[in-house]
Protein backbone atom coordinates (compact mmCIF):
# COMPACT_ATOMS: atom_id res chain seq x y z
CA MET A 1 88.98 -77.97 34.11
CA ASP A 2 91.67 -75.35 35.04
CA PHE A 3 95.19 -76.66 34.51
CA ASP A 4 98.42 -74.87 33.04
CA PHE A 5 99.39 -77.23 30.22
CA LEU A 6 102.44 -74.93 29.64
CA PHE A 7 103.76 -76.40 33.16
CA GLN A 8 103.93 -80.07 31.65
CA PRO A 9 104.01 -79.33 27.68
CA LYS A 10 104.60 -83.12 27.08
CA LEU A 11 101.01 -83.93 28.40
CA ASN A 12 98.72 -84.89 25.69
CA LYS A 13 95.94 -82.00 26.09
CA ALA A 14 93.46 -83.55 24.07
CA GLU A 15 93.57 -86.78 26.10
CA ILE A 16 93.21 -84.75 29.37
CA VAL A 17 90.38 -82.92 27.96
CA ASP A 18 88.74 -86.06 26.81
CA LEU A 19 88.93 -87.55 30.28
CA HIS A 20 87.06 -84.66 31.69
CA THR A 21 84.12 -85.43 29.36
CA LEU A 22 83.67 -88.45 31.70
CA ARG A 23 83.20 -90.80 28.71
CA PHE A 24 85.33 -93.52 30.56
CA LEU A 25 82.40 -93.99 32.92
CA ASP A 26 80.11 -94.98 30.27
CA ASN A 27 82.95 -97.42 29.11
CA LYS A 28 83.52 -98.65 32.69
CA ASP A 29 87.22 -97.90 32.44
CA ASN A 30 89.43 -97.14 35.36
CA ILE A 31 92.03 -94.31 35.11
CA LEU A 32 95.55 -94.56 36.19
CA PHE A 33 98.15 -91.73 35.90
CA ILE A 34 101.69 -92.86 35.73
CA GLY A 35 104.87 -90.77 35.72
CA ASN A 36 107.64 -89.07 37.53
CA SER A 37 107.32 -87.31 40.62
CA GLY A 38 105.93 -83.48 40.22
CA VAL A 39 104.30 -83.87 36.85
CA GLU A 40 100.91 -83.07 38.21
CA LYS A 41 99.30 -86.71 38.36
CA THR A 42 97.79 -86.14 41.69
CA HIS A 43 96.45 -82.73 40.64
CA LEU A 44 94.77 -84.18 37.46
CA ALA A 45 93.47 -87.21 39.41
CA ILE A 46 91.79 -85.03 42.07
CA SER A 47 90.46 -82.78 39.63
CA LEU A 48 88.89 -85.65 37.52
CA ALA A 49 87.63 -87.25 40.89
CA LEU A 50 85.80 -83.96 41.72
CA GLU A 51 84.09 -83.92 38.46
CA VAL A 52 82.91 -87.54 38.78
CA LEU A 53 81.50 -86.73 42.26
CA ASP A 54 79.83 -83.62 41.01
CA LYS A 55 78.01 -85.92 38.48
CA GLY A 56 76.73 -88.16 41.37
CA PHE A 57 79.19 -91.07 40.63
CA SER A 58 81.74 -92.24 43.32
CA ALA A 59 85.57 -91.92 43.06
CA HIS A 60 88.55 -93.88 44.61
CA PHE A 61 91.88 -92.26 44.90
CA ILE A 62 94.77 -94.21 45.84
CA LEU A 63 98.55 -93.88 45.39
CA SER A 64 99.98 -96.46 43.07
CA ASN A 65 102.52 -97.80 45.90
CA ASP A 66 99.69 -98.04 48.32
CA LEU A 67 97.73 -99.94 45.76
CA VAL A 68 100.46 -102.28 44.91
CA ASN A 69 100.84 -102.89 48.84
CA LYS A 70 97.22 -103.60 49.23
CA LEU A 71 96.78 -105.98 46.41
CA LEU A 72 100.22 -107.84 47.42
CA LYS A 73 98.80 -108.32 50.93
CA ALA A 74 95.43 -109.53 49.46
CA GLN A 75 97.30 -112.11 47.38
CA ASP A 76 99.20 -113.32 50.53
CA LYS A 77 95.82 -113.72 52.09
CA GLY A 78 94.12 -115.34 49.38
CA THR A 79 91.69 -112.54 48.54
CA LEU A 80 93.22 -110.94 45.66
CA GLU A 81 90.17 -111.34 43.56
CA ARG A 82 88.06 -109.58 46.21
CA ALA A 83 90.40 -106.86 46.70
CA ILE A 84 90.64 -106.02 42.81
CA LYS A 85 86.77 -105.83 42.79
CA ILE A 86 86.92 -102.72 45.05
CA TYR A 87 88.78 -100.80 42.23
CA GLN A 88 86.45 -101.86 39.36
CA VAL A 89 83.99 -99.56 37.86
């Protein structure tokens, strides 16, 4: 993992390093990065997804506003449960 933690000193380095062990795959956990614009959420998510793909697993990247919009549309159509399953590990 190549990340400049000095750029975002408030990040919990231990948590980010732990995510890159991919232990969350064994636990069947999803990962969601939340924060202000410009704090490297996309960079971290993509680097994590690339490691997951390198290990032969699949990854799904979606911006939070797109996720919310898709889920709201699915709710309106009565297909929310099916839409949520797409994002489950």
